[in-house]
Amino acid sequence: MDRQINEEPCPVPESVLGQLYRASPHGLIDIIEPVPPDVRAMLAVYCYRRAHLANIGLAIAANCDEANLSWHGGNLGADLFMKSRTAETVSESFHAQRRKVTLSRGPIRELAPLEDNLV
């Protein structure tokens, strides 16, 4: 068993999660529209609990009702519902806030030369 004991399973296949991550703001809605409301709420809570997917969870929650989010996420689900209704253009914000990957352009630190004088 590769999963940790407390790790919750993703409510949708990993391929769908990958599509959500790569989707445009308008494409996100097209992907989650056929997902049943209860699974959509579970997915919103699942994504929101993970820092790198939190904005996607917020965008999904904007397409969920309060009862489903509260049922599957408890107080977090109710809070997620409120945040999804007050955020400015939620479906567009998750792409704008997604962090860009940057690579170092120089050495991280200078290493002292190795000395061969071992006595």
PDB file of N, CA and C in Angstrom:
ATOM      1  N   MET A   1       0.848  -1.173   0.000  1.00  0.00           N
ATOM      2  CA  MET A   1       0.000   0.000   0.000  1.00  0.00           C
ATOM      3  C   MET A   1       0.898   1.242   0.000  1.00  0.00           C
ATOM      4  N   ASP A   2       0.824   2.049  -1.074  1.00  0.00           N
ATOM      5  CA  ASP A   2       1.672   3.217  -1.225  1.00  0.00           C
ATOM      6  C   ASP A   2       1.108   4.457  -0.554  1.00  0.00           C
ATOM      7  N   ARG A   3      -0.188   4.520  -0.328  1.00  0.00           N
ATOM      8  CA  ARG A   3      -0.798   5.712   0.260  1.00  0.00           C
ATOM      9  C   ARG A   3      -0.575   5.761   1.755  1.00  0.00           C
ATOM     10  N   GLN A   4      -0.530   6.998   2.268  1.00  0.00           N
ATOM     11  CA  GLN A   4      -0.459   7.166   3.707  1.00  0.00           C
ATOM     12  C   GLN A   4      -1.833   6.856   4.281  1.00  0.00           C
ATOM     13  N   ILE A   5      -1.893   6.514   5.551  1.00  0.00           N
ATOM     14  CA  ILE A   5      -3.145   6.119   6.185  1.00  0.00           C
ATOM     15  C   ILE A   5      -4.173   7.246   6.141  1.00  0.00           C
ATOM     16  N   ASN A   6      -3.769   8.488   6.423  1.00  0.00           N
ATOM     17  CA  ASN A   6      -4.709   9.607   6.502  1.00  0.00           C
ATOM     18  C   ASN A   6      -4.982  10.279   5.164  1.00  0.00           C
ATOM     19  N   GLU A   7      -4.371   9.825   4.099  1.00  0.00           N
ATOM     20  CA  GLU A   7      -4.561  10.463   2.803  1.00  0.00           C
ATOM     21  C   GLU A   7      -5.906  10.061   2.219  1.00  0.00           C
ATOM     22  N   GLU A   8      -6.705  11.057   1.850  1.00  0.00           N
ATOM     23  CA  GLU A   8      -7.999  10.762   1.263  1.00  0.00           C
ATOM     24  C   GLU A   8      -7.838  10.501  -0.226  1.00  0.00           C
ATOM     25  N   PRO A   9      -8.608   9.581  -0.774  1.00  0.00           N
ATOM     26  CA  PRO A   9      -8.514   9.309  -2.210  1.00  0.00           C
ATOM     27  C   PRO A   9      -9.176  10.430  -3.013  1.00  0.00           C
ATOM     28  N   CYS A  10      -8.662  10.665  -4.197  1.00  0.00           N
ATOM     29  CA  CYS A  10      -9.249  11.664  -5.088  1.00  0.00           C
ATOM     30  C   CYS A  10     -10.597  11.119  -5.578  1.00  0.00           C
ATOM     31  N   PRO A  11     -11.652  11.951  -5.544  1.00  0.00           N
ATOM     32  CA  PRO A  11     -12.977  11.474  -5.934  1.00  0.00           C
ATOM     33  C   PRO A  11     -13.169  11.284  -7.439  1.00  0.00           C
ATOM     34  N   VAL A  12     -12.209  11.713  -8.244  1.00  0.00           N
ATOM     35  CA  VAL A  12     -12.278  11.515  -9.699  1.00  0.00           C
ATOM     36  C   VAL A  12     -10.988  10.851 -10.148  1.00  0.00           C
ATOM     37  N   PRO A  13     -10.980  10.239 -11.325  1.00  0.00           N
ATOM     38  CA  PRO A  13      -9.734   9.639 -11.820  1.00  0.00           C
ATOM     39  C   PRO A  13      -8.635  10.689 -11.975  1.00  0.00           C
ATOM     40  N   GLU A  14      -7.391  10.253 -11.842  1.00  0.00           N
ATOM     41  CA  GLU A  14      -6.256  11.173 -11.955  1.00  0.00           C
ATOM     42  C   GLU A  14      -6.222  11.878 -13.306  1.00  0.00           C
ATOM     43  N   SER A  15      -6.715  11.226 -14.344  1.00  0.00           N
ATOM     44  CA  SER A  15      -6.731  11.858 -15.667  1.00  0.00           C
ATOM     45  C   SER A  15      -7.632  13.099 -15.669  1.00  0.00           C
ATOM     46  N   VAL A  16      -8.752  13.030 -14.957  1.00  0.00           N
ATOM     47  CA  VAL A  16      -9.650  14.187 -14.862  1.00  0.00           C
ATOM     48  C   VAL A  16      -8.987  15.290 -14.053  1.00  0.00           C
ATOM     49  N   LEU A  17      -8.318  14.921 -12.978  1.00  0.00           N
ATOM     50  CA  LEU A  17      -7.605  15.902 -12.163  1.00  0.00           C
ATOM     51  C   LEU A  17      -6.528  16.607 -12.998  1.00  0.00           C
ATOM     52  N   GLY A  18      -5.829  15.869 -13.830  1.00  0.00           N
ATOM     53  CA  GLY A  18      -4.833  16.450 -14.727  1.00  0.00           C
ATOM     54  C   GLY A  18      -5.465  17.401 -15.726  1.00  0.00           C
ATOM     55  N   GLN A  19      -6.631  17.037 -16.258  1.00  0.00           N
ATOM     56  CA  GLN A  19      -7.342  17.919 -17.182  1.00  0.00           C
ATOM     57  C   GLN A  19      -7.738  19.216 -16.491  1.00  0.00           C
ATOM     58  N   LEU A  20      -8.190  19.108 -15.245  1.00  0.00           N
ATOM     59  CA  LEU A  20      -8.573  20.306 -14.494  1.00  0.00           C
ATOM     60  C   LEU A  20      -7.377  21.222 -14.297  1.00  0.00           C
ATOM     61  N   TYR A  21      -6.233  20.644 -14.005  1.00  0.00           N
ATOM     62  CA  TYR A  21      -5.037  21.427 -13.740  1.00  0.00           C
ATOM     63  C   TYR A  21      -4.574  22.169 -14.993  1.00  0.00           C
ATOM     64  N   ARG A  22      -4.745  21.541 -16.146  1.00  0.00           N
ATOM     65  CA  ARG A  22      -4.293  22.136 -17.398  1.00  0.00           C
ATOM     66  C   ARG A  22      -5.360  22.978 -18.094  1.00  0.00           C
ATOM     67  N   ALA A  23      -6.579  22.968 -17.586  1.00  0.00           N
ATOM     68  CA  ALA A  23      -7.698  23.616 -18.264  1.00  0.00           C
ATOM     69  C   ALA A  23      -7.624  25.136 -18.218  1.00  0.00           C
ATOM     70  N   SER A  24      -8.207  25.742 -19.241  1.00  0.00           N
ATOM     71  CA  SER A  24      -8.387  27.193 -19.231  1.00  0.00           C
ATOM     72  C   SER A  24      -9.548  27.488 -18.283  1.00  0.00           C
ATOM     73  N   PRO A  25      -9.722  28.739 -17.886  1.00  0.00           N
ATOM     74  CA  PRO A  25     -10.836  29.051 -16.976  1.00  0.00           C
ATOM     75  C   PRO A  25     -12.197  28.590 -17.505  1.00  0.00           C
ATOM     76  N   HIS A  26     -12.431  28.748 -18.795  1.00  0.00           N
ATOM     77  CA  HIS A  26     -13.722  28.324 -19.350  1.00  0.00           C
ATOM     78  C   HIS A  26     -13.768  26.808 -19.556  1.00  0.00           C
ATOM     79  N   GLY A  27     -12.619  26.211 -19.813  1.00  0.00           N
ATOM     80  CA  GLY A  27     -12.553  24.767 -19.985  1.00  0.00           C
ATOM     81  C   GLY A  27     -12.818  24.016 -18.694  1.00  0.00           C
ATOM     82  N   LEU A  28     -12.500  24.630 -17.570  1.00  0.00           N
ATOM     83  CA  LEU A  28     -12.728  24.021 -16.264  1.00  0.00           C
ATOM     84  C   LEU A  28     -14.215  23.718 -16.074  1.00  0.00           C
ATOM     85  N   ILE A  29     -15.042  24.667 -16.429  1.00  0.00           N
ATOM     86  CA  ILE A  29     -16.492  24.492 -16.283  1.00  0.00           C
ATOM     87  C   ILE A  29     -16.975  23.349 -17.164  1.00  0.00           C
ATOM     88  N   ASP A  30     -16.460  23.250 -18.380  1.00  0.00           N
ATOM     89  CA  ASP A  30     -16.851  22.169 -19.284  1.00  0.00           C
ATOM     90  C   ASP A  30     -16.466  20.798 -18.736  1.00  0.00           C
ATOM     91  N   ILE A  31     -15.331  20.733 -18.031  1.00  0.00           N
ATOM     92  CA  ILE A  31     -14.871  19.455 -17.486  1.00  0.00           C
ATOM     93  C   ILE A  31     -15.724  19.024 -16.295  1.00  0.00           C
ATOM     94  N   ILE A  32     -16.081  19.959 -15.412  1.00  0.00           N
ATOM     95  CA  ILE A  32     -16.810  19.570 -14.194  1.00  0.00           C
ATOM     96  C   ILE A  32     -18.318  19.519 -14.365  1.00  0.00           C
ATOM     97  N   GLU A  33     -18.823  20.067 -15.466  1.00  0.00           N
ATOM     98  CA  GLU A  33     -20.274  20.091 -15.675  1.00  0.00           C
ATOM     99  C   GLU A  33     -20.920  18.693 -15.657  1.00  0.00           C
ATOM    100  N   PRO A  34     -20.326  17.688 -16.310  1.00  0.00           N
ATOM    101  CA  PRO A  34     -20.959  16.359 -16.275  1.00  0.00           C
ATOM    102  C   PRO A  34     -20.745  15.583 -14.970  1.00  0.00           C
ATOM    103  N   VAL A  35     -19.905  16.086 -14.090  1.00  0.00           N
ATOM    104  CA  VAL A  35     -19.633  15.402 -12.819  1.00  0.00           C
ATOM    105  C   VAL A  35     -20.854  15.574 -11.905  1.00  0.00           C
ATOM    106  N   PRO A  36     -21.345  14.491 -11.305  1.00  0.00           N
ATOM    107  CA  PRO A  36     -22.510  14.590 -10.410  1.00  0.00           C
ATOM    108  C   PRO A  36     -22.257  15.589  -9.273  1.00  0.00           C
ATOM    109  N   PRO A  37     -23.292  16.300  -8.816  1.00  0.00           N
ATOM    110  CA  PRO A  37     -23.128  17.346  -7.801  1.00  0.00           C
ATOM    111  C   PRO A  37     -22.412  16.910  -6.528  1.00  0.00           C
ATOM    112  N   ASP A  38     -22.694  15.695  -6.027  1.00  0.00           N
ATOM    113  CA  ASP A  38     -22.027  15.270  -4.799  1.00  0.00           C
ATOM    114  C   ASP A  38     -20.542  15.003  -5.026  1.00  0.00           C
ATOM    115  N   VAL A  39     -20.192  14.431  -6.170  1.00  0.00           N
ATOM    116  CA  VAL A  39     -18.782  14.182  -6.492  1.00  0.00           C
ATOM    117  C   VAL A  39     -18.074  15.514  -6.752  1.00  0.00           C
ATOM    118  N   ARG A  40     -18.765  16.446  -7.381  1.00  0.00           N
ATOM    119  CA  ARG A  40     -18.205  17.777  -7.628  1.00  0.00           C
ATOM    120  C   ARG A  40     -17.863  18.465  -6.302  1.00  0.00           C
ATOM    121  N   ALA A  41     -18.744  18.341  -5.317  1.00  0.00           N
ATOM    122  CA  ALA A  41     -18.488  18.938  -3.999  1.00  0.00           C
ATOM    123  C   ALA A  41     -17.298  18.261  -3.322  1.00  0.00           C
ATOM    124  N   MET A  42     -17.225  16.929  -3.407  1.00  0.00           N
ATOM    125  CA  MET A  42     -16.073  16.216  -2.836  1.00  0.00           C
ATOM    126  C   MET A  42     -14.782  16.658  -3.514  1.00  0.00           C
ATOM    127  N   LEU A  43     -14.832  16.844  -4.834  1.00  0.00           N
ATOM    128  CA  LEU A  43     -13.660  17.272  -5.584  1.00  0.00           C
ATOM    129  C   LEU A  43     -13.243  18.688  -5.187  1.00  0.00           C
ATOM    130  N   ALA A  44     -14.207  19.576  -4.996  1.00  0.00           N
ATOM    131  CA  ALA A  44     -13.898  20.950  -4.572  1.00  0.00           C
ATOM    132  C   ALA A  44     -13.187  20.938  -3.224  1.00  0.00           C
ATOM    133  N   VAL A  45     -13.688  20.152  -2.287  1.00  0.00           N
ATOM    134  CA  VAL A  45     -13.069  20.060  -0.957  1.00  0.00           C
ATOM    135  C   VAL A  45     -11.689  19.419  -1.062  1.00  0.00           C
ATOM    136  N   TYR A  46     -11.589  18.349  -1.841  1.00  0.00           N
ATOM    137  CA  TYR A  46     -10.311  17.656  -2.037  1.00  0.00           C
ATOM    138  C   TYR A  46      -9.255  18.622  -2.574  1.00  0.00           C
ATOM    139  N   CYS A  47      -9.595  19.369  -3.610  1.00  0.00           N
ATOM    140  CA  CYS A  47      -8.638  20.304  -4.216  1.00  0.00           C
ATOM    141  C   CYS A  47      -8.305  21.456  -3.265  1.00  0.00           C
ATOM    142  N   TYR A  48      -9.310  21.973  -2.588  1.00  0.00           N
ATOM    143  CA  TYR A  48      -9.092  23.123  -1.716  1.00  0.00           C
ATOM    144  C   TYR A  48      -8.151  22.791  -0.557  1.00  0.00           C
ATOM    145  N   ARG A  49      -8.128  21.541  -0.137  1.00  0.00           N
ATOM    146  CA  ARG A  49      -7.256  21.121   0.971  1.00  0.00           C
ATOM    147  C   ARG A  49      -5.788  21.014   0.556  1.00  0.00           C
ATOM    148  N   ARG A  50      -5.510  21.126  -0.713  1.00  0.00           N
ATOM    149  CA  ARG A  50      -4.141  21.013  -1.209  1.00  0.00           C
ATOM    150  C   ARG A  50      -3.706  22.367  -1.760  1.00  0.00           C
ATOM    151  N   ALA A  51      -2.600  22.875  -1.256  1.00  0.00           N
ATOM    152  CA  ALA A  51      -2.160  24.235  -1.591  1.00  0.00           C
ATOM    153  C   ALA A  51      -2.048  24.456  -3.100  1.00  0.00           C
ATOM    154  N   HIS A  52      -1.491  23.502  -3.820  1.00  0.00           N
ATOM    155  CA  HIS A  52      -1.290  23.701  -5.255  1.00  0.00           C
ATOM    156  C   HIS A  52      -2.574  23.572  -6.062  1.00  0.00           C
ATOM    157  N   LEU A  53      -3.654  23.083  -5.453  1.00  0.00           N
ATOM    158  CA  LEU A  53      -4.941  22.935  -6.142  1.00  0.00           C
ATOM    159  C   LEU A  53      -6.041  23.799  -5.526  1.00  0.00           C
ATOM    160  N   ALA A  54      -5.705  24.611  -4.525  1.00  0.00           N
ATOM    161  CA  ALA A  54      -6.720  25.357  -3.782  1.00  0.00           C
ATOM    162  C   ALA A  54      -7.548  26.277  -4.672  1.00  0.00           C
ATOM    163  N   ASN A  55      -6.913  26.948  -5.615  1.00  0.00           N
ATOM    164  CA  ASN A  55      -7.665  27.848  -6.492  1.00  0.00           C
ATOM    165  C   ASN A  55      -8.602  27.087  -7.420  1.00  0.00           C
ATOM    166  N   ILE A  56      -8.207  25.893  -7.830  1.00  0.00           N
ATOM    167  CA  ILE A  56      -9.095  25.059  -8.633  1.00  0.00           C
ATOM    168  C   ILE A  56     -10.280  24.624  -7.773  1.00  0.00           C
ATOM    169  N   GLY A  57     -10.021  24.259  -6.523  1.00  0.00           N
ATOM    170  CA  GLY A  57     -11.100  23.891  -5.606  1.00  0.00           C
ATOM    171  C   GLY A  57     -12.085  25.022  -5.419  1.00  0.00           C
ATOM    172  N   LEU A  58     -11.588  26.234  -5.325  1.00  0.00           N
ATOM    173  CA  LEU A  58     -12.435  27.413  -5.189  1.00  0.00           C
ATOM    174  C   LEU A  58     -13.296  27.604  -6.438  1.00  0.00           C
ATOM    175  N   ALA A  59     -12.694  27.418  -7.603  1.00  0.00           N
ATOM    176  CA  ALA A  59     -13.436  27.542  -8.863  1.00  0.00           C
ATOM    177  C   ALA A  59     -14.503  26.457  -8.985  1.00  0.00           C
ATOM    178  N   ILE A  60     -14.192  25.240  -8.558  1.00  0.00           N
ATOM    179  CA  ILE A  60     -15.175  24.153  -8.607  1.00  0.00           C
ATOM    180  C   ILE A  60     -16.302  24.432  -7.622  1.00  0.00           C
ATOM    181  N   ALA A  61     -15.949  24.927  -6.440  1.00  0.00           N
ATOM    182  CA  ALA A  61     -16.952  25.224  -5.411  1.00  0.00           C
ATOM    183  C   ALA A  61     -17.951  26.268  -5.893  1.00  0.00           C
ATOM    184  N   ALA A  62     -17.536  27.144  -6.789  1.00  0.00           N
ATOM    185  CA  ALA A  62     -18.443  28.155  -7.339  1.00  0.00           C
ATOM    186  C   ALA A  62     -19.561  27.510  -8.143  1.00  0.00           C
ATOM    187  N   ASN A  63     -19.387  26.231  -8.497  1.00  0.00           N
ATOM    188  CA  ASN A  63     -20.394  25.490  -9.261  1.00  0.00           C
ATOM    189  C   ASN A  63     -21.054  24.407  -8.420  1.00  0.00           C
ATOM    190  N   CYS A  64     -21.003  24.563  -7.098  1.00  0.00           N
ATOM    191  CA  CYS A  64     -21.607  23.607  -6.162  1.00  0.00           C
ATOM    192  C   CYS A  64     -22.634  24.334  -5.293  1.00  0.00           C
ATOM    193  N   ASP A  65     -23.558  23.564  -4.717  1.00  0.00           N
ATOM    194  CA  ASP A  65     -24.487  24.197  -3.782  1.00  0.00           C
ATOM    195  C   ASP A  65     -23.965  24.038  -2.353  1.00  0.00           C
ATOM    196  N   GLU A  66     -24.472  24.881  -1.486  1.00  0.00           N
ATOM    197  CA  GLU A  66     -23.988  24.927  -0.107  1.00  0.00           C
ATOM    198  C   GLU A  66     -24.222  23.616   0.635  1.00  0.00           C
ATOM    199  N   ALA A  67     -25.359  22.983   0.391  1.00  0.00           N
ATOM    200  CA  ALA A  67     -25.682  21.746   1.103  1.00  0.00           C
ATOM    201  C   ALA A  67     -24.662  20.649   0.811  1.00  0.00           C
ATOM    202  N   ASN A  68     -24.309  20.464  -0.462  1.00  0.00           N
ATOM    203  CA  ASN A  68     -23.329  19.432  -0.814  1.00  0.00           C
ATOM    204  C   ASN A  68     -21.948  19.746  -0.256  1.00  0.00           C
ATOM    205  N   LEU A  69     -21.527  21.007  -0.363  1.00  0.00           N
ATOM    206  CA  LEU A  69     -20.211  21.372   0.167  1.00  0.00           C
ATOM    207  C   LEU A  69     -20.157  21.185   1.678  1.00  0.00           C
ATOM    208  N   SER A  70     -21.226  21.559   2.380  1.00  0.00           N
ATOM    209  CA  SER A  70     -21.257  21.394   3.836  1.00  0.00           C
ATOM    210  C   SER A  70     -21.302  19.923   4.223  1.00  0.00           C
ATOM    211  N   TRP A  71     -22.022  19.123   3.463  1.00  0.00           N
ATOM    212  CA  TRP A  71     -22.131  17.696   3.762  1.00  0.00           C
ATOM    213  C   TRP A  71     -20.774  17.007   3.616  1.00  0.00           C
ATOM    214  N   HIS A  72     -20.061  17.315   2.552  1.00  0.00           N
ATOM    215  CA  HIS A  72     -18.794  16.631   2.276  1.00  0.00           C
ATOM    216  C   HIS A  72     -17.583  17.295   2.921  1.00  0.00           C
ATOM    217  N   GLY A  73     -17.704  18.570   3.293  1.00  0.00           N
ATOM    218  CA  GLY A  73     -16.550  19.252   3.860  1.00  0.00           C
ATOM    219  C   GLY A  73     -16.764  19.834   5.241  1.00  0.00           C
ATOM    220  N   GLY A  74     -17.976  19.676   5.803  1.00  0.00           N
ATOM    221  CA  GLY A  74     -18.247  20.214   7.129  1.00  0.00           C
ATOM    222  C   GLY A  74     -18.086  21.728   7.152  1.00  0.00           C
ATOM    223  N   ASN A  75     -17.460  22.242   8.204  1.00  0.00           N
ATOM    224  CA  ASN A  75     -17.234  23.684   8.310  1.00  0.00           C
ATOM    225  C   ASN A  75     -16.356  24.207   7.175  1.00  0.00           C
ATOM    226  N   LEU A  76     -15.384  23.400   6.754  1.00  0.00           N
ATOM    227  CA  LEU A  76     -14.535  23.796   5.638  1.00  0.00           C
ATOM    228  C   LEU A  76     -15.370  23.952   4.371  1.00  0.00           C
ATOM    229  N   GLY A  77     -16.304  23.045   4.145  1.00  0.00           N
ATOM    230  CA  GLY A  77     -17.174  23.126   2.973  1.00  0.00           C
ATOM    231  C   GLY A  77     -18.047  24.361   3.001  1.00  0.00           C
ATOM    232  N   ALA A  78     -18.591  24.695   4.174  1.00  0.00           N
ATOM    233  CA  ALA A  78     -19.417  25.903   4.302  1.00  0.00           C
ATOM    234  C   ALA A  78     -18.576  27.152   4.052  1.00  0.00           C
ATOM    235  N   ASP A  79     -17.355  27.163   4.584  1.00  0.00           N
ATOM    236  CA  ASP A  79     -16.449  28.287   4.369  1.00  0.00           C
ATOM    237  C   ASP A  79     -16.060  28.386   2.894  1.00  0.00           C
ATOM    238  N   LEU A  80     -15.822  27.253   2.283  1.00  0.00           N
ATOM    239  CA  LEU A  80     -15.476  27.207   0.861  1.00  0.00           C
ATOM    240  C   LEU A  80     -16.620  27.763   0.014  1.00  0.00           C
ATOM    241  N   PHE A  81     -17.853  27.427   0.377  1.00  0.00           N
ATOM    242  CA  PHE A  81     -19.019  27.960  -0.335  1.00  0.00           C
ATOM    243  C   PHE A  81     -19.019  29.487  -0.268  1.00  0.00           C
ATOM    244  N   MET A  82     -18.821  30.034   0.932  1.00  0.00           N
ATOM    245  CA  MET A  82     -18.834  31.488   1.096  1.00  0.00           C
ATOM    246  C   MET A  82     -17.685  32.145   0.316  1.00  0.00           C
ATOM    247  N   LYS A  83     -16.489  31.567   0.386  1.00  0.00           N
ATOM    248  CA  LYS A  83     -15.349  32.127  -0.336  1.00  0.00           C
ATOM    249  C   LYS A  83     -15.563  32.075  -1.839  1.00  0.00           C
ATOM    250  N   SER A  84     -16.183  31.005  -2.314  1.00  0.00           N
ATOM    251  CA  SER A  84     -16.392  30.878  -3.758  1.00  0.00           C
ATOM    252  C   SER A  84     -17.413  31.879  -4.272  1.00  0.00           C
ATOM    253  N   ARG A  85     -18.280  32.375  -3.379  1.00  0.00           N
ATOM    254  CA  ARG A  85     -19.289  33.347  -3.792  1.00  0.00           C
ATOM    255  C   ARG A  85     -18.799  34.783  -3.658  1.00  0.00           C
ATOM    256  N   THR A  86     -17.737  35.003  -2.906  1.00  0.00           N
ATOM    257  CA  THR A  86     -17.245  36.361  -2.707  1.00  0.00           C
ATOM    258  C   THR A  86     -15.972  36.649  -3.490  1.00  0.00           C
ATOM    259  N   ALA A  87     -15.321  35.616  -4.009  1.00  0.00           N
ATOM    260  CA  ALA A  87     -14.081  35.819  -4.758  1.00  0.00           C
ATOM    261  C   ALA A  87     -14.385  36.468  -6.106  1.00  0.00           C
ATOM    262  N   GLU A  88     -13.487  37.339  -6.529  1.00  0.00           N
ATOM    263  CA  GLU A  88     -13.645  37.995  -7.821  1.00  0.00           C
ATOM    264  C   GLU A  88     -13.307  37.013  -8.941  1.00  0.00           C
ATOM    265  N   THR A  89     -14.218  36.841  -9.851  1.00  0.00           N
ATOM    266  CA  THR A  89     -14.059  35.959 -11.010  1.00  0.00           C
ATOM    267  C   THR A  89     -13.236  34.727 -10.664  1.00  0.00           C
ATOM    268  N   VAL A  90     -13.798  33.889  -9.841  1.00  0.00           N
ATOM    269  CA  VAL A  90     -13.103  32.716  -9.308  1.00  0.00           C
ATOM    270  C   VAL A  90     -12.507  31.852 -10.401  1.00  0.00           C
ATOM    271  N   SER A  91     -13.260  31.549 -11.438  1.00  0.00           N
ATOM    272  CA  SER A  91     -12.759  30.625 -12.451  1.00  0.00           C
ATOM    273  C   SER A  91     -11.563  31.196 -13.196  1.00  0.00           C
ATOM    274  N   GLU A  92     -11.434  32.514 -13.265  1.00  0.00           N
ATOM    275  CA  GLU A  92     -10.286  33.105 -13.932  1.00  0.00           C
ATOM    276  C   GLU A  92      -9.115  33.285 -12.976  1.00  0.00           C
ATOM    277  N   SER A  93      -9.391  33.445 -11.685  1.00  0.00           N
ATOM    278  CA  SER A  93      -8.324  33.753 -10.739  1.00  0.00           C
ATOM    279  C   SER A  93      -7.379  32.586 -10.509  1.00  0.00           C
ATOM    280  N   PHE A  94      -7.843  31.351 -10.664  1.00  0.00           N
ATOM    281  CA  PHE A  94      -6.951  30.244 -10.346  1.00  0.00           C
ATOM    282  C   PHE A  94      -5.796  30.147 -11.334  1.00  0.00           C
ATOM    283  N   HIS A  95      -5.994  30.570 -12.583  1.00  0.00           N
ATOM    284  CA  HIS A  95      -4.886  30.574 -13.535  1.00  0.00           C
ATOM    285  C   HIS A  95      -3.943  31.741 -13.271  1.00  0.00           C
ATOM    286  N   ALA A  96      -4.479  32.862 -12.897  1.00  0.00           N
ATOM    287  CA  ALA A  96      -3.652  34.042 -12.643  1.00  0.00           C
ATOM    288  C   ALA A  96      -2.782  33.843 -11.408  1.00  0.00           C
ATOM    289  N   GLN A  97      -3.267  33.090 -10.418  1.00  0.00           N
ATOM    290  CA  GLN A  97      -2.543  32.920  -9.172  1.00  0.00           C
ATOM    291  C   GLN A  97      -1.638  31.698  -9.164  1.00  0.00           C
ATOM    292  N   ARG A  98      -1.752  30.864 -10.181  1.00  0.00           N
ATOM    293  CA  ARG A  98      -0.933  29.666 -10.227  1.00  0.00           C
ATOM    294  C   ARG A  98       0.532  30.074 -10.356  1.00  0.00           C
ATOM    295  N   ARG A  99       1.359  29.503  -9.548  1.00  0.00           N
ATOM    296  CA  ARG A  99       2.772  29.862  -9.525  1.00  0.00           C
ATOM    297  C   ARG A  99       3.477  29.338 -10.766  1.00  0.00           C
ATOM    298  N   LYS A 100       4.345  30.162 -11.284  1.00  0.00           N
ATOM    299  CA  LYS A 100       5.177  29.767 -12.415  1.00  0.00           C
ATOM    300  C   LYS A 100       6.380  29.007 -11.870  1.00  0.00           C
ATOM    301  N   VAL A 101       6.864  28.044 -12.629  1.00  0.00           N
ATOM    302  CA  VAL A 101       8.050  27.299 -12.247  1.00  0.00           C
ATOM    303  C   VAL A 101       9.258  28.103 -12.695  1.00  0.00           C
ATOM    304  N   THR A 102      10.175  28.324 -11.789  1.00  0.00           N
ATOM    305  CA  THR A 102      11.398  29.037 -12.133  1.00  0.00           C
ATOM    306  C   THR A 102      12.594  28.151 -11.844  1.00  0.00           C
ATOM    307  N   LEU A 103      13.620  28.327 -12.629  1.00  0.00           N
ATOM    308  CA  LEU A 103      14.843  27.561 -12.456  1.00  0.00           C
ATOM    309  C   LEU A 103      15.978  28.503 -12.097  1.00  0.00           C
ATOM    310  N   SER A 104      16.905  28.029 -11.317  1.00  0.00           N
ATOM    311  CA  SER A 104      18.053  28.836 -10.930  1.00  0.00           C
ATOM    312  C   SER A 104      18.929  29.095 -12.150  1.00  0.00           C
ATOM    313  N   ARG A 105      19.450  30.302 -12.232  1.00  0.00           N
ATOM    314  CA  ARG A 105      20.311  30.654 -13.366  1.00  0.00           C
ATOM    315  C   ARG A 105      21.789  30.646 -12.982  1.00  0.00           C
ATOM    316  N   GLY A 106      22.084  30.484 -11.747  1.00  0.00           N
ATOM    317  CA  GLY A 106      23.473  30.488 -11.304  1.00  0.00           C
ATOM    318  C   GLY A 106      23.659  29.485 -10.186  1.00  0.00           C
ATOM    319  N   PRO A 107      24.852  29.423  -9.656  1.00  0.00           N
ATOM    320  CA  PRO A 107      25.085  28.482  -8.560  1.00  0.00           C
ATOM    321  C   PRO A 107      24.313  28.914  -7.313  1.00  0.00           C
ATOM    322  N   ILE A 108      23.825  27.956  -6.587  1.00  0.00           N
ATOM    323  CA  ILE A 108      23.086  28.233  -5.369  1.00  0.00           C
ATOM    324  C   ILE A 108      24.030  28.756  -4.298  1.00  0.00           C
ATOM    325  N   ARG A 109      25.223  28.191  -4.219  1.00  0.00           N
ATOM    326  CA  ARG A 109      26.233  28.671  -3.283  1.00  0.00           C
ATOM    327  C   ARG A 109      27.605  28.296  -3.822  1.00  0.00           C
ATOM    328  N   GLU A 110      28.569  29.011  -3.378  1.00  0.00           N
ATOM    329  CA  GLU A 110      29.945  28.744  -3.791  1.00  0.00           C
ATOM    330  C   GLU A 110      30.544  27.726  -2.821  1.00  0.00           C
ATOM    331  N   LEU A 111      31.145  26.703  -3.360  1.00  0.00           N
ATOM    332  CA  LEU A 111      31.794  25.693  -2.540  1.00  0.00           C
ATOM    333  C   LEU A 111      33.291  25.982  -2.475  1.00  0.00           C
ATOM    334  N   ALA A 112      33.856  25.811  -1.309  1.00  0.00           N
ATOM    335  CA  ALA A 112      35.297  26.004  -1.145  1.00  0.00           C
ATOM    336  C   ALA A 112      36.020  24.874  -1.867  1.00  0.00           C
ATOM    337  N   PRO A 113      37.193  25.151  -2.416  1.00  0.00           N
ATOM    338  CA  PRO A 113      37.937  24.091  -3.094  1.00  0.00           C
ATOM    339  C   PRO A 113      38.327  22.993  -2.110  1.00  0.00           C
ATOM    340  N   LEU A 114      38.355  21.772  -2.582  1.00  0.00           N
ATOM    341  CA  LEU A 114      38.755  20.652  -1.755  1.00  0.00           C
ATOM    342  C   LEU A 114      40.282  20.662  -1.588  1.00  0.00           C
ATOM    343  N   GLU A 115      40.729  20.402  -0.375  1.00  0.00           N
ATOM    344  CA  GLU A 115      42.185  20.342  -0.127  1.00  0.00           C
ATOM    345  C   GLU A 115      42.609  18.899  -0.054  1.00  0.00           C
ATOM    346  N   ASP A 116      43.763  18.619  -0.624  1.00  0.00           N
ATOM    347  CA  ASP A 116      44.284  17.251  -0.627  1.00  0.00           C
ATOM    348  C   ASP A 116      45.174  16.971   0.566  1.00  0.00           C
ATOM    349  N   ASN A 117      45.332  17.900   1.482  1.00  0.00           N
ATOM    350  CA  ASN A 117      46.233  17.747   2.634  1.00  0.00           C
ATOM    351  C   ASN A 117      45.513  17.071   3.778  1.00  0.00           C
ATOM    352  N   LEU A 118      45.352  15.793   3.707  1.00  0.00           N
ATOM    353  CA  LEU A 118      44.741  15.040   4.807  1.00  0.00           C
ATOM    354  C   LEU A 118      45.866  14.402   5.613  1.00  0.00           C
ATOM    355  N   VAL A 119      45.966  14.738   6.835  1.00  0.00           N
ATOM    356  CA  VAL A 119      47.030  14.194   7.687  1.00  0.00           C
ATOM    357  C   VAL A 119      46.451  13.393   8.799  1.00  0.00           C
TER     358      VAL A 119
END
